[in-house]
PDB file of N, CA and C in Angstrom:
ATOM      1  N   MET A   1     -19.863  54.496   6.667  1.00  0.00           N
ATOM      2  CA  MET A   1     -19.018  53.475   6.137  1.00  0.00           C
ATOM      3  C   MET A   1     -19.793  52.154   6.171  1.00  0.00           C
ATOM      4  N   ALA A   2     -19.812  51.455   5.076  1.00  0.00           N
ATOM      5  CA  ALA A   2     -20.562  50.206   4.961  1.00  0.00           C
ATOM      6  C   ALA A   2     -19.706  49.046   5.460  1.00  0.00           C
ATOM      7  N   THR A   3     -20.358  48.124   6.116  1.00  0.00           N
ATOM      8  CA  THR A   3     -19.646  46.937   6.586  1.00  0.00           C
ATOM      9  C   THR A   3     -19.565  45.938   5.442  1.00  0.00           C
ATOM     10  N   PRO A   4     -18.430  45.287   5.317  1.00  0.00           N
ATOM     11  CA  PRO A   4     -18.303  44.319   4.230  1.00  0.00           C
ATOM     12  C   PRO A   4     -19.220  43.116   4.468  1.00  0.00           C
ATOM     13  N   ILE A   5     -19.797  42.638   3.425  1.00  0.00           N
ATOM     14  CA  ILE A   5     -20.686  41.480   3.499  1.00  0.00           C
ATOM     15  C   ILE A   5     -19.822  40.230   3.400  1.00  0.00           C
ATOM     16  N   LYS A   6     -20.013  39.358   4.360  1.00  0.00           N
ATOM     17  CA  LYS A   6     -19.272  38.100   4.361  1.00  0.00           C
ATOM     18  C   LYS A   6     -20.078  37.069   3.582  1.00  0.00           C
ATOM     19  N   THR A   7     -19.459  36.512   2.622  1.00  0.00           N
ATOM     20  CA  THR A   7     -20.122  35.468   1.846  1.00  0.00           C
ATOM     21  C   THR A   7     -19.376  34.159   2.054  1.00  0.00           C
ATOM     22  N   THR A   8     -20.131  33.141   2.162  1.00  0.00           N
ATOM     23  CA  THR A   8     -19.551  31.819   2.311  1.00  0.00           C
ATOM     24  C   THR A   8     -19.709  31.084   0.991  1.00  0.00           C
ATOM     25  N   VAL A   9     -18.614  30.632   0.480  1.00  0.00           N
ATOM     26  CA  VAL A   9     -18.632  29.921  -0.788  1.00  0.00           C
ATOM     27  C   VAL A   9     -18.374  28.454  -0.495  1.00  0.00           C
ATOM     28  N   THR A  10     -19.298  27.642  -0.898  1.00  0.00           N
ATOM     29  CA  THR A  10     -19.073  26.206  -0.766  1.00  0.00           C
ATOM     30  C   THR A  10     -18.785  25.652  -2.149  1.00  0.00           C
ATOM     31  N   ARG A  11     -17.882  24.765  -2.184  1.00  0.00           N
ATOM     32  CA  ARG A  11     -17.453  24.200  -3.451  1.00  0.00           C
ATOM     33  C   ARG A  11     -17.811  22.730  -3.480  1.00  0.00           C
ATOM     34  N   THR A  12     -18.536  22.333  -4.469  1.00  0.00           N
ATOM     35  CA  THR A  12     -18.846  20.922  -4.622  1.00  0.00           C
ATOM     36  C   THR A  12     -17.820  20.296  -5.546  1.00  0.00           C
ATOM     37  N   VAL A  13     -17.345  19.160  -5.137  1.00  0.00           N
ATOM     38  CA  VAL A  13     -16.342  18.470  -5.930  1.00  0.00           C
ATOM     39  C   VAL A  13     -16.970  17.223  -6.527  1.00  0.00           C
ATOM     40  N   LYS A  14     -16.512  16.881  -7.705  1.00  0.00           N
ATOM     41  CA  LYS A  14     -17.039  15.687  -8.351  1.00  0.00           C
ATOM     42  C   LYS A  14     -16.365  14.455  -7.758  1.00  0.00           C
ATOM     43  N   PRO A  15     -17.140  13.412  -7.563  1.00  0.00           N
ATOM     44  CA  PRO A  15     -16.536  12.181  -7.043  1.00  0.00           C
ATOM     45  C   PRO A  15     -15.657  11.516  -8.100  1.00  0.00           C
ATOM     46  N   LEU A  16     -14.644  10.800  -7.643  1.00  0.00           N
ATOM     47  CA  LEU A  16     -13.772  10.084  -8.566  1.00  0.00           C
ATOM     48  C   LEU A  16     -14.450   8.801  -9.055  1.00  0.00           C
ATOM     49  N   LEU A  17     -14.833   7.953  -8.129  1.00  0.00           N
ATOM     50  CA  LEU A  17     -15.478   6.688  -8.473  1.00  0.00           C
ATOM     51  C   LEU A  17     -16.768   6.484  -7.685  1.00  0.00           C
ATOM     52  N   SER A  18     -16.685   6.665  -6.387  1.00  0.00           N
ATOM     53  CA  SER A  18     -17.781   6.312  -5.489  1.00  0.00           C
ATOM     54  C   SER A  18     -18.627   7.530  -5.145  1.00  0.00           C
ATOM     55  N   LEU A  19     -19.910   7.279  -4.964  1.00  0.00           N
ATOM     56  CA  LEU A  19     -20.821   8.338  -4.549  1.00  0.00           C
ATOM     57  C   LEU A  19     -21.144   8.266  -3.063  1.00  0.00           C
ATOM     58  N   ARG A  20     -21.053   7.075  -2.488  1.00  0.00           N
ATOM     59  CA  ARG A  20     -21.390   6.865  -1.084  1.00  0.00           C
ATOM     60  C   ARG A  20     -20.259   6.104  -0.388  1.00  0.00           C
ATOM     61  N   PRO A  21     -20.162   6.231   0.925  1.00  0.00           N
ATOM     62  CA  PRO A  21     -19.115   5.498   1.662  1.00  0.00           C
ATOM     63  C   PRO A  21     -19.231   3.978   1.514  1.00  0.00           C
ATOM     64  N   GLU A  22     -20.437   3.467   1.399  1.00  0.00           N
ATOM     65  CA  GLU A  22     -20.611   2.013   1.243  1.00  0.00           C
ATOM     66  C   GLU A  22     -20.008   1.531  -0.070  1.00  0.00           C
ATOM     67  N   GLU A  23     -20.171   2.355  -1.104  1.00  0.00           N
ATOM     68  CA  GLU A  23     -19.617   1.996  -2.405  1.00  0.00           C
ATOM     69  C   GLU A  23     -18.090   2.017  -2.362  1.00  0.00           C
ATOM     70  N   ALA A  24     -17.526   2.992  -1.681  1.00  0.00           N
ATOM     71  CA  ALA A  24     -16.064   3.076  -1.544  1.00  0.00           C
ATOM     72  C   ALA A  24     -15.544   1.877  -0.750  1.00  0.00           C
ATOM     73  N   ARG A  25     -16.261   1.510   0.290  1.00  0.00           N
ATOM     74  CA  ARG A  25     -15.865   0.350   1.107  1.00  0.00           C
ATOM     75  C   ARG A  25     -15.873  -0.931   0.276  1.00  0.00           C
ATOM     76  N   ARG A  26     -16.897  -1.065  -0.567  1.00  0.00           N
ATOM     77  CA  ARG A  26     -17.000  -2.240  -1.437  1.00  0.00           C
ATOM     78  C   ARG A  26     -15.826  -2.290  -2.402  1.00  0.00           C
ATOM     79  N   ARG A  27     -15.425  -1.140  -2.924  1.00  0.00           N
ATOM     80  CA  ARG A  27     -14.281  -1.102  -3.840  1.00  0.00           C
ATOM     81  C   ARG A  27     -12.985  -1.506  -3.133  1.00  0.00           C
ATOM     82  N   VAL A  28     -12.833  -1.061  -1.896  1.00  0.00           N
ATOM     83  CA  VAL A  28     -11.632  -1.422  -1.128  1.00  0.00           C
ATOM     84  C   VAL A  28     -11.601  -2.920  -0.869  1.00  0.00           C
ATOM     85  N   LEU A  29     -12.734  -3.486  -0.472  1.00  0.00           N
ATOM     86  CA  LEU A  29     -12.784  -4.932  -0.206  1.00  0.00           C
ATOM     87  C   LEU A  29     -12.524  -5.744  -1.476  1.00  0.00           C
ATOM     88  N   ASN A  30     -13.055  -5.289  -2.604  1.00  0.00           N
ATOM     89  CA  ASN A  30     -12.793  -5.990  -3.864  1.00  0.00           C
ATOM     90  C   ASN A  30     -11.316  -5.941  -4.226  1.00  0.00           C
ATOM     91  N   LEU A  31     -10.680  -4.794  -4.022  1.00  0.00           N
ATOM     92  CA  LEU A  31      -9.250  -4.682  -4.302  1.00  0.00           C
ATOM     93  C   LEU A  31      -8.446  -5.590  -3.372  1.00  0.00           C
ATOM     94  N   TYR A  32      -8.837  -5.635  -2.106  1.00  0.00           N
ATOM     95  CA  TYR A  32      -8.153  -6.508  -1.149  1.00  0.00           C
ATOM     96  C   TYR A  32      -8.260  -7.969  -1.577  1.00  0.00           C
ATOM     97  N   LYS A  33      -9.446  -8.377  -2.003  1.00  0.00           N
ATOM     98  CA  LYS A  33      -9.642  -9.759  -2.461  1.00  0.00           C
ATOM     99  C   LYS A  33      -8.797 -10.066  -3.688  1.00  0.00           C
ATOM    100  N   LEU A  34      -8.704  -9.105  -4.602  1.00  0.00           N
ATOM    101  CA  LEU A  34      -7.870  -9.310  -5.786  1.00  0.00           C
ATOM    102  C   LEU A  34      -6.406  -9.504  -5.409  1.00  0.00           C
ATOM    103  N   TRP A  35      -5.909  -8.687  -4.474  1.00  0.00           N
ATOM    104  CA  TRP A  35      -4.525  -8.836  -4.014  1.00  0.00           C
ATOM    105  C   TRP A  35      -4.310 -10.205  -3.379  1.00  0.00           C
ATOM    106  N   ILE A  36      -5.235 -10.622  -2.520  1.00  0.00           N
ATOM    107  CA  ILE A  36      -5.073 -11.904  -1.825  1.00  0.00           C
ATOM    108  C   ILE A  36      -5.114 -13.070  -2.811  1.00  0.00           C
ATOM    109  N   ARG A  37      -5.942 -12.974  -3.841  1.00  0.00           N
ATOM    110  CA  ARG A  37      -5.999 -14.038  -4.846  1.00  0.00           C
ATOM    111  C   ARG A  37      -4.700 -14.150  -5.644  1.00  0.00           C
ATOM    112  N   GLN A  38      -3.964 -13.063  -5.755  1.00  0.00           N
ATOM    113  CA  GLN A  38      -2.737 -13.061  -6.541  1.00  0.00           C
ATOM    114  C   GLN A  38      -1.518 -13.535  -5.750  1.00  0.00           C
ATOM    115  N   VAL A  39      -1.652 -13.714  -4.440  1.00  0.00           N
ATOM    116  CA  VAL A  39      -0.502 -14.058  -3.595  1.00  0.00           C
ATOM    117  C   VAL A  39       0.240 -15.304  -4.079  1.00  0.00           C
ATOM    118  N   PRO A  40      -0.420 -16.436  -4.366  1.00  0.00           N
ATOM    119  CA  PRO A  40       0.356 -17.605  -4.818  1.00  0.00           C
ATOM    120  C   PRO A  40       1.134 -17.347  -6.102  1.00  0.00           C
ATOM    121  N   PHE A  41       0.548 -16.578  -7.010  1.00  0.00           N
ATOM    122  CA  PHE A  41       1.224 -16.280  -8.277  1.00  0.00           C
ATOM    123  C   PHE A  41       2.398 -15.326  -8.062  1.00  0.00           C
ATOM    124  N   ILE A  42       2.241 -14.386  -7.136  1.00  0.00           N
ATOM    125  CA  ILE A  42       3.331 -13.447  -6.847  1.00  0.00           C
ATOM    126  C   ILE A  42       4.521 -14.192  -6.268  1.00  0.00           C
ATOM    127  N   VAL A  43       4.267 -15.083  -5.314  1.00  0.00           N
ATOM    128  CA  VAL A  43       5.352 -15.842  -4.684  1.00  0.00           C
ATOM    129  C   VAL A  43       6.056 -16.706  -5.720  1.00  0.00           C
ATOM    130  N   GLU A  44       5.282 -17.313  -6.616  1.00  0.00           N
ATOM    131  CA  GLU A  44       5.865 -18.192  -7.629  1.00  0.00           C
ATOM    132  C   GLU A  44       6.604 -17.405  -8.710  1.00  0.00           C
ATOM    133  N   ASP A  45       5.992 -16.345  -9.220  1.00  0.00           N
ATOM    134  CA  ASP A  45       6.588 -15.593 -10.333  1.00  0.00           C
ATOM    135  C   ASP A  45       7.830 -14.812  -9.922  1.00  0.00           C
ATOM    136  N   TYR A  46       7.791 -14.199  -8.755  1.00  0.00           N
ATOM    137  CA  TYR A  46       8.888 -13.335  -8.343  1.00  0.00           C
ATOM    138  C   TYR A  46       9.967 -14.073  -7.563  1.00  0.00           C
ATOM    139  N   ASP A  47       9.678 -15.268  -7.095  1.00  0.00           N
ATOM    140  CA  ASP A  47      10.644 -16.071  -6.334  1.00  0.00           C
ATOM    141  C   ASP A  47      11.221 -15.255  -5.175  1.00  0.00           C
ATOM    142  N   ILE A  48      10.332 -14.675  -4.380  1.00  0.00           N
ATOM    143  CA  ILE A  48      10.773 -13.869  -3.245  1.00  0.00           C
ATOM    144  C   ILE A  48      10.990 -14.770  -2.038  1.00  0.00           C
ATOM    145  N   PRO A  49      11.877 -14.372  -1.126  1.00  0.00           N
ATOM    146  CA  PRO A  49      12.169 -15.211   0.039  1.00  0.00           C
ATOM    147  C   PRO A  49      11.129 -15.080   1.147  1.00  0.00           C
ATOM    148  N   LYS A  50       9.901 -14.822   0.790  1.00  0.00           N
ATOM    149  CA  LYS A  50       8.811 -14.722   1.758  1.00  0.00           C
ATOM    150  C   LYS A  50       7.754 -15.741   1.383  1.00  0.00           C
ATOM    151  N   GLY A  51       7.067 -16.252   2.396  1.00  0.00           N
ATOM    152  CA  GLY A  51       6.013 -17.224   2.159  1.00  0.00           C
ATOM    153  C   GLY A  51       4.688 -16.547   1.868  1.00  0.00           C
ATOM    154  N   LYS A  52       3.698 -17.378   1.561  1.00  0.00           N
ATOM    155  CA  LYS A  52       2.376 -16.854   1.240  1.00  0.00           C
ATOM    156  C   LYS A  52       1.746 -16.146   2.428  1.00  0.00           C
ATOM    157  N   GLU A  53       1.919 -16.718   3.611  1.00  0.00           N
ATOM    158  CA  GLU A  53       1.314 -16.105   4.808  1.00  0.00           C
ATOM    159  C   GLU A  53       1.957 -14.755   5.124  1.00  0.00           C
ATOM    160  N   GLU A  54       3.274 -14.668   4.960  1.00  0.00           N
ATOM    161  CA  GLU A  54       3.958 -13.390   5.201  1.00  0.00           C
ATOM    162  C   GLU A  54       3.495 -12.324   4.215  1.00  0.00           C
ATOM    163  N   LEU A  55       3.306 -12.726   2.970  1.00  0.00           N
ATOM    164  CA  LEU A  55       2.852 -11.784   1.955  1.00  0.00           C
ATOM    165  C   LEU A  55       1.409 -11.345   2.224  1.00  0.00           C
ATOM    166  N   ARG A  56       0.557 -12.291   2.631  1.00  0.00           N
ATOM    167  CA  ARG A  56      -0.821 -11.936   2.980  1.00  0.00           C
ATOM    168  C   ARG A  56      -0.850 -10.969   4.160  1.00  0.00           C
ATOM    169  N   GLU A  57      -0.009 -11.218   5.143  1.00  0.00           N
ATOM    170  CA  GLU A  57       0.038 -10.334   6.312  1.00  0.00           C
ATOM    171  C   GLU A  57       0.535  -8.940   5.926  1.00  0.00           C
ATOM    172  N   LYS A  58       1.488  -8.863   5.005  1.00  0.00           N
ATOM    173  CA  LYS A  58       1.994  -7.571   4.563  1.00  0.00           C
ATOM    174  C   LYS A  58       0.922  -6.810   3.782  1.00  0.00           C
ATOM    175  N   ILE A  59       0.174  -7.510   2.937  1.00  0.00           N
ATOM    176  CA  ILE A  59      -0.924  -6.872   2.201  1.00  0.00           C
ATOM    177  C   ILE A  59      -1.963  -6.353   3.180  1.00  0.00           C
ATOM    178  N   ARG A  60      -2.281  -7.156   4.171  1.00  0.00           N
ATOM    179  CA  ARG A  60      -3.260  -6.751   5.179  1.00  0.00           C
ATOM    180  C   ARG A  60      -2.780  -5.508   5.930  1.00  0.00           C
ATOM    181  N   SER A  61      -1.510  -5.479   6.305  1.00  0.00           N
ATOM    182  CA  SER A  61      -0.990  -4.329   7.047  1.00  0.00           C
ATOM    183  C   SER A  61      -0.961  -3.071   6.177  1.00  0.00           C
ATOM    184  N   GLU A  62      -0.689  -3.231   4.879  1.00  0.00           N
ATOM    185  CA  GLU A  62      -0.703  -2.073   3.976  1.00  0.00           C
ATOM    186  C   GLU A  62      -2.113  -1.502   3.843  1.00  0.00           C
ATOM    187  N   PHE A  63      -3.107  -2.363   3.825  1.00  0.00           N
ATOM    188  CA  PHE A  63      -4.488  -1.879   3.769  1.00  0.00           C
ATOM    189  C   PHE A  63      -4.887  -1.237   5.095  1.00  0.00           C
ATOM    190  N   LEU A  64      -4.438  -1.805   6.205  1.00  0.00           N
ATOM    191  CA  LEU A  64      -4.805  -1.259   7.510  1.00  0.00           C
ATOM    192  C   LEU A  64      -4.117   0.074   7.806  1.00  0.00           C
ATOM    193  N   LYS A  65      -3.030   0.383   7.107  1.00  0.00           N
ATOM    194  CA  LYS A  65      -2.377   1.681   7.286  1.00  0.00           C
ATOM    195  C   LYS A  65      -3.327   2.829   6.955  1.00  0.00           C
ATOM    196  N   ASN A  66      -4.239   2.576   6.030  1.00  0.00           N
ATOM    197  CA  ASN A  66      -5.160   3.618   5.585  1.00  0.00           C
ATOM    198  C   ASN A  66      -6.573   3.399   6.103  1.00  0.00           C
ATOM    199  N   ALA A  67      -6.729   2.632   7.159  1.00  0.00           N
ATOM    200  CA  ALA A  67      -8.066   2.352   7.694  1.00  0.00           C
ATOM    201  C   ALA A  67      -8.716   3.589   8.301  1.00  0.00           C
ATOM    202  N   HIS A  68      -7.928   4.565   8.682  1.00  0.00           N
ATOM    203  CA  HIS A  68      -8.465   5.773   9.314  1.00  0.00           C
ATOM    204  C   HIS A  68      -9.028   6.777   8.309  1.00  0.00           C
ATOM    205  N   VAL A  69      -8.786   6.577   7.020  1.00  0.00           N
ATOM    206  CA  VAL A  69      -9.226   7.523   5.995  1.00  0.00           C
ATOM    207  C   VAL A  69     -10.739   7.451   5.837  1.00  0.00           C
ATOM    208  N   LYS A  70     -11.406   8.588   5.892  1.00  0.00           N
ATOM    209  CA  LYS A  70     -12.866   8.642   5.787  1.00  0.00           C
ATOM    210  C   LYS A  70     -13.343   9.390   4.550  1.00  0.00           C
ATOM    211  N   ASP A  71     -12.490  10.217   3.944  1.00  0.00           N
ATOM    212  CA  ASP A  71     -12.883  10.991   2.779  1.00  0.00           C
ATOM    213  C   ASP A  71     -13.030  10.068   1.569  1.00  0.00           C
ATOM    214  N   ILE A  72     -14.179  10.141   0.909  1.00  0.00           N
ATOM    215  CA  ILE A  72     -14.481   9.228  -0.193  1.00  0.00           C
ATOM    216  C   ILE A  72     -13.528   9.437  -1.367  1.00  0.00           C
ATOM    217  N   ARG A  73     -13.197  10.683  -1.665  1.00  0.00           N
ATOM    218  CA  ARG A  73     -12.277  10.951  -2.786  1.00  0.00           C
ATOM    219  C   ARG A  73     -10.880  10.405  -2.501  1.00  0.00           C
ATOM    220  N   THR A  74     -10.449  10.518  -1.265  1.00  0.00           N
ATOM    221  CA  THR A  74      -9.136   9.985  -0.891  1.00  0.00           C
ATOM    222  C   THR A  74      -9.138   8.464  -0.976  1.00  0.00           C
ATOM    223  N   ILE A  75     -10.215   7.841  -0.514  1.00  0.00           N
ATOM    224  CA  ILE A  75     -10.334   6.381  -0.597  1.00  0.00           C
ATOM    225  C   ILE A  75     -10.298   5.938  -2.054  1.00  0.00           C
ATOM    226  N   ASP A  76     -11.039   6.657  -2.900  1.00  0.00           N
ATOM    227  CA  ASP A  76     -11.043   6.316  -4.320  1.00  0.00           C
ATOM    228  C   ASP A  76      -9.660   6.455  -4.932  1.00  0.00           C
ATOM    229  N   MET A  77      -8.927   7.495  -4.561  1.00  0.00           N
ATOM    230  CA  MET A  77      -7.578   7.680  -5.086  1.00  0.00           C
ATOM    231  C   MET A  77      -6.658   6.543  -4.631  1.00  0.00           C
ATOM    232  N   LEU A  78      -6.786   6.129  -3.379  1.00  0.00           N
ATOM    233  CA  LEU A  78      -5.978   5.014  -2.889  1.00  0.00           C
ATOM    234  C   LEU A  78      -6.343   3.714  -3.606  1.00  0.00           C
ATOM    235  N   VAL A  79      -7.620   3.529  -3.909  1.00  0.00           N
ATOM    236  CA  VAL A  79      -8.053   2.334  -4.644  1.00  0.00           C
ATOM    237  C   VAL A  79      -7.459   2.347  -6.054  1.00  0.00           C
ATOM    238  N   ILE A  80      -7.475   3.494  -6.692  1.00  0.00           N
ATOM    239  CA  ILE A  80      -6.902   3.604  -8.038  1.00  0.00           C
ATOM    240  C   ILE A  80      -5.410   3.289  -8.008  1.00  0.00           C
ATOM    241  N   LYS A  81      -4.705   3.825  -7.020  1.00  0.00           N
ATOM    242  CA  LYS A  81      -3.268   3.541  -6.895  1.00  0.00           C
ATOM    243  C   LYS A  81      -3.027   2.060  -6.618  1.00  0.00           C
ATOM    244  N   GLY A  82      -3.872   1.455  -5.789  1.00  0.00           N
ATOM    245  CA  GLY A  82      -3.751   0.025  -5.500  1.00  0.00           C
ATOM    246  C   GLY A  82      -3.995  -0.830  -6.721  1.00  0.00           C
ATOM    247  N   GLN A  83      -4.952  -0.428  -7.563  1.00  0.00           N
ATOM    248  CA  GLN A  83      -5.207  -1.160  -8.798  1.00  0.00           C
ATOM    249  C   GLN A  83      -4.031  -1.046  -9.759  1.00  0.00           C
ATOM    250  N   MET A  84      -3.438   0.140  -9.836  1.00  0.00           N
ATOM    251  CA  MET A  84      -2.262   0.311 -10.699  1.00  0.00           C
ATOM    252  C   MET A  84      -1.096  -0.535 -10.201  1.00  0.00           C
ATOM    253  N   GLU A  85      -0.920  -0.551  -8.891  1.00  0.00           N
ATOM    254  CA  GLU A  85       0.163  -1.347  -8.295  1.00  0.00           C
ATOM    255  C   GLU A  85      -0.047  -2.836  -8.575  1.00  0.00           C
ATOM    256  N   LEU A  86      -1.287  -3.297  -8.437  1.00  0.00           N
ATOM    257  CA  LEU A  86      -1.598  -4.701  -8.699  1.00  0.00           C
ATOM    258  C   LEU A  86      -1.341  -5.039 -10.160  1.00  0.00           C
ATOM    259  N   LYS A  87      -1.715  -4.157 -11.051  1.00  0.00           N
ATOM    260  CA  LYS A  87      -1.482  -4.405 -12.479  1.00  0.00           C
ATOM    261  C   LYS A  87       0.014  -4.484 -12.769  1.00  0.00           C
ATOM    262  N   GLU A  88       0.809  -3.637 -12.137  1.00  0.00           N
ATOM    263  CA  GLU A  88       2.262  -3.693 -12.321  1.00  0.00           C
ATOM    264  C   GLU A  88       2.823  -5.025 -11.854  1.00  0.00           C
ATOM    265  N   VAL A  89       2.306  -5.521 -10.736  1.00  0.00           N
ATOM    266  CA  VAL A  89       2.809  -6.784 -10.197  1.00  0.00           C
ATOM    267  C   VAL A  89       2.363  -7.948 -11.078  1.00  0.00           C
ATOM    268  N   VAL A  90       1.097  -7.953 -11.485  1.00  0.00           N
ATOM    269  CA  VAL A  90       0.574  -9.060 -12.288  1.00  0.00           C
ATOM    270  C   VAL A  90       1.240  -9.112 -13.659  1.00  0.00           C
ATOM    271  N   GLU A  91       1.455  -7.962 -14.269  1.00  0.00           N
ATOM    272  CA  GLU A  91       2.069  -7.917 -15.595  1.00  0.00           C
ATOM    273  C   GLU A  91       3.594  -8.043 -15.532  1.00  0.00           C
ATOM    274  N   ARG A  92       4.128  -8.139 -14.325  1.00  0.00           N
ATOM    275  CA  ARG A  92       5.571  -8.272 -14.085  1.00  0.00           C
ATOM    276  C   ARG A  92       6.353  -7.061 -14.588  1.00  0.00           C
ATOM    277  N   TRP A  93       5.761  -5.885 -14.461  1.00  0.00           N
ATOM    278  CA  TRP A  93       6.452  -4.652 -14.792  1.00  0.00           C
ATOM    279  C   TRP A  93       7.307  -4.206 -13.609  1.00  0.00           C
ATOM    280  N   LYS A  94       7.015  -4.729 -12.454  1.00  0.00           N
ATOM    281  CA  LYS A  94       7.747  -4.385 -11.237  1.00  0.00           C
ATOM    282  C   LYS A  94       8.809  -5.464 -11.025  1.00  0.00           C
ATOM    283  N   ASN A  95      10.002  -5.034 -10.644  1.00  0.00           N
ATOM    284  CA  ASN A  95      11.048  -6.034 -10.428  1.00  0.00           C
ATOM    285  C   ASN A  95      11.024  -6.530  -8.976  1.00  0.00           C
ATOM    286  N   LYS A  96      11.827  -7.534  -8.719  1.00  0.00           N
ATOM    287  CA  LYS A  96      11.835  -8.185  -7.409  1.00  0.00           C
ATOM    288  C   LYS A  96      12.245  -7.214  -6.300  1.00  0.00           C
ATOM    289  N   GLY A  97      13.201  -6.350  -6.578  1.00  0.00           N
ATOM    290  CA  GLY A  97      13.658  -5.388  -5.575  1.00  0.00           C
ATOM    291  C   GLY A  97      12.571  -4.408  -5.178  1.00  0.00           C
ATOM    292  N   SER A  98      11.786  -3.978  -6.150  1.00  0.00           N
ATOM    293  CA  SER A  98      10.689  -3.057  -5.850  1.00  0.00           C
ATOM    294  C   SER A  98       9.626  -3.729  -5.005  1.00  0.00           C
ATOM    295  N   LEU A  99       9.400  -5.001  -5.259  1.00  0.00           N
ATOM    296  CA  LEU A  99       8.417  -5.742  -4.473  1.00  0.00           C
ATOM    297  C   LEU A  99       8.925  -5.974  -3.050  1.00  0.00           C
ATOM    298  N   MET A 100      10.218  -6.254  -2.921  1.00  0.00           N
ATOM    299  CA  MET A 100      10.785  -6.500  -1.594  1.00  0.00           C
ATOM    300  C   MET A 100      10.921  -5.214  -0.785  1.00  0.00           C
ATOM    301  N   TYR A 101      10.795  -4.059  -1.426  1.00  0.00           N
ATOM    302  CA  TYR A 101      10.874  -2.773  -0.716  1.00  0.00           C
ATOM    303  C   TYR A 101       9.771  -2.652   0.329  1.00  0.00           C
ATOM    304  N   TYR A 102       8.655  -3.321   0.116  1.00  0.00           N
ATOM    305  CA  TYR A 102       7.576  -3.290   1.104  1.00  0.00           C
ATOM    306  C   TYR A 102       7.979  -3.984   2.408  1.00  0.00           C
ATOM    307  N   PHE A 103       8.968  -4.856   2.351  1.00  0.00           N
ATOM    308  CA  PHE A 103       9.421  -5.583   3.533  1.00  0.00           C
ATOM    309  C   PHE A 103      10.644  -4.933   4.170  1.00  0.00           C
ATOM    310  N   ARG A 104      10.923  -3.679   3.835  1.00  0.00           N
ATOM    311  CA  ARG A 104      12.137  -3.017   4.326  1.00  0.00           C
ATOM    312  C   ARG A 104      12.165  -2.876   5.838  1.00  0.00           C
ATOM    313  N   ASP A 105      11.007  -2.808   6.488  1.00  0.00           N
ATOM    314  CA  ASP A 105      10.982  -2.640   7.935  1.00  0.00           C
ATOM    315  C   ASP A 105      11.267  -3.943   8.676  1.00  0.00           C
ATOM    316  N   THR A 106      11.269  -5.078   7.970  1.00  0.00           N
ATOM    317  CA  THR A 106      11.531  -6.355   8.622  1.00  0.00           C
ATOM    318  C   THR A 106      12.994  -6.782   8.512  1.00  0.00           C
ATOM    319  N   VAL A 107      13.822  -6.018   7.806  1.00  0.00           N
ATOM    320  CA  VAL A 107      15.226  -6.361   7.597  1.00  0.00           C
ATOM    321  C   VAL A 107      16.039  -5.940   8.809  1.00  0.00           C
ATOM    322  N   GLN A 108      16.924  -6.823   9.262  1.00  0.00           N
ATOM    323  CA  GLN A 108      17.813  -6.514  10.372  1.00  0.00           C
ATOM    324  C   GLN A 108      18.888  -5.541   9.891  1.00  0.00           C
ATOM    325  N   PRO A 109      19.168  -4.493  10.654  1.00  0.00           N
ATOM    326  CA  PRO A 109      20.221  -3.566  10.233  1.00  0.00           C
ATOM    327  C   PRO A 109      21.598  -4.243  10.289  1.00  0.00           C
ATOM    328  N   LYS A 110      22.474  -3.827   9.391  1.00  0.00           N
ATOM    329  CA  LYS A 110      23.816  -4.394   9.356  1.00  0.00           C
ATOM    330  C   LYS A 110      24.614  -3.879  10.553  1.00  0.00           C
ATOM    331  N   PRO A 111      25.480  -4.730  11.100  1.00  0.00           N
ATOM    332  CA  PRO A 111      26.306  -4.271  12.216  1.00  0.00           C
ATOM    333  C   PRO A 111      27.307  -3.215  11.741  1.00  0.00           C
ATOM    334  N   ASN A 112      27.587  -2.239  12.630  1.00  0.00           N
ATOM    335  CA  ASN A 112      28.492  -1.168  12.211  1.00  0.00           C
ATOM    336  C   ASN A 112      29.727  -1.048  13.098  1.00  0.00           C
ATOM    337  N   ASP A 113      29.780  -1.734  14.231  1.00  0.00           N
ATOM    338  CA  ASP A 113      30.999  -1.679  15.021  1.00  0.00           C
ATOM    339  C   ASP A 113      31.771  -2.994  14.859  1.00  0.00           C
ATOM    340  N   PHE A 114      33.026  -2.986  15.264  1.00  0.00           N
ATOM    341  CA  PHE A 114      33.911  -4.122  15.031  1.00  0.00           C
ATOM    342  C   PHE A 114      33.408  -5.402  15.684  1.00  0.00           C
ATOM    343  N   MET A 115      33.004  -5.325  16.945  1.00  0.00           N
ATOM    344  CA  MET A 115      32.607  -6.537  17.663  1.00  0.00           C
ATOM    345  C   MET A 115      31.339  -7.158  17.052  1.00  0.00           C
ATOM    346  N   SER A 116      30.386  -6.320  16.672  1.00  0.00           N
ATOM    347  CA  SER A 116      29.155  -6.838  16.076  1.00  0.00           C
ATOM    348  C   SER A 116      29.445  -7.497  14.738  1.00  0.00           C
ATOM    349  N   LYS A 117      30.322  -6.892  13.943  1.00  0.00           N
ATOM    350  CA  LYS A 117      30.700  -7.475  12.665  1.00  0.00           C
ATOM    351  C   LYS A 117      31.412  -8.804  12.876  1.00  0.00           C
ATOM    352  N   PHE A 118      32.301  -8.853  13.867  1.00  0.00           N
ATOM    353  CA  PHE A 118      33.059 -10.057  14.146  1.00  0.00           C
ATOM    354  C   PHE A 118      32.126 -11.182  14.570  1.00  0.00           C
ATOM    355  N   LEU A 119      31.187 -10.882  15.458  1.00  0.00           N
ATOM    356  CA  LEU A 119      30.288 -11.924  15.979  1.00  0.00           C
ATOM    357  C   LEU A 119      29.286 -12.407  14.923  1.00  0.00           C
ATOM    358  N   SER A 120      28.943 -11.540  13.992  1.00  0.00           N
ATOM    359  CA  SER A 120      27.984 -11.947  12.958  1.00  0.00           C
ATOM    360  C   SER A 120      28.677 -12.615  11.772  1.00  0.00           C
ATOM    361  N   GLY A 121      29.997 -12.556  11.723  1.00  0.00           N
ATOM    362  CA  GLY A 121      30.741 -13.220  10.666  1.00  0.00           C
ATOM    363  C   GLY A 121      31.063 -12.353   9.477  1.00  0.00           C
ATOM    364  N   HIS A 122      30.856 -11.052   9.581  1.00  0.00           N
ATOM    365  CA  HIS A 122      31.195 -10.142   8.490  1.00  0.00           C
ATOM    366  C   HIS A 122      32.684  -9.787   8.553  1.00  0.00           C
ATOM    367  N   ASP A 123      33.251  -9.496   7.412  1.00  0.00           N
ATOM    368  CA  ASP A 123      34.656  -9.056   7.378  1.00  0.00           C
ATOM    369  C   ASP A 123      34.735  -7.625   7.894  1.00  0.00           C
ATOM    370  N   PRO A 124      35.758  -7.349   8.731  1.00  0.00           N
ATOM    371  CA  PRO A 124      35.899  -5.977   9.275  1.00  0.00           C
ATOM    372  C   PRO A 124      36.376  -4.976   8.266  1.00  0.00           C
TER     373      PRO A 124
END
């Protein structure tokens, strides 16, 4: 009885944008700079109840959420999504509610019991 031959198949994947990690890093930094440059226009155009510093901090935190990603293709995909998101914001295709959705974790929850509603001034 013959033993089965084990073959190892390696698959090469084509890069999306970047060929090296340094190139991917440069693309991320360029996207970050583009977002930061748009902050004054975003605050003015959308009339959101957040200041420029709060918006810059939120952009920074959104970028830092993916700081652990090391795969170049994944980084490129995130950069592409970030560019699409920026284009939506700049072209005003995104409405104010969609933009404020990024700040959902900073909203105080509404009171749900009688005493909390009474003390906060809500109708029971």
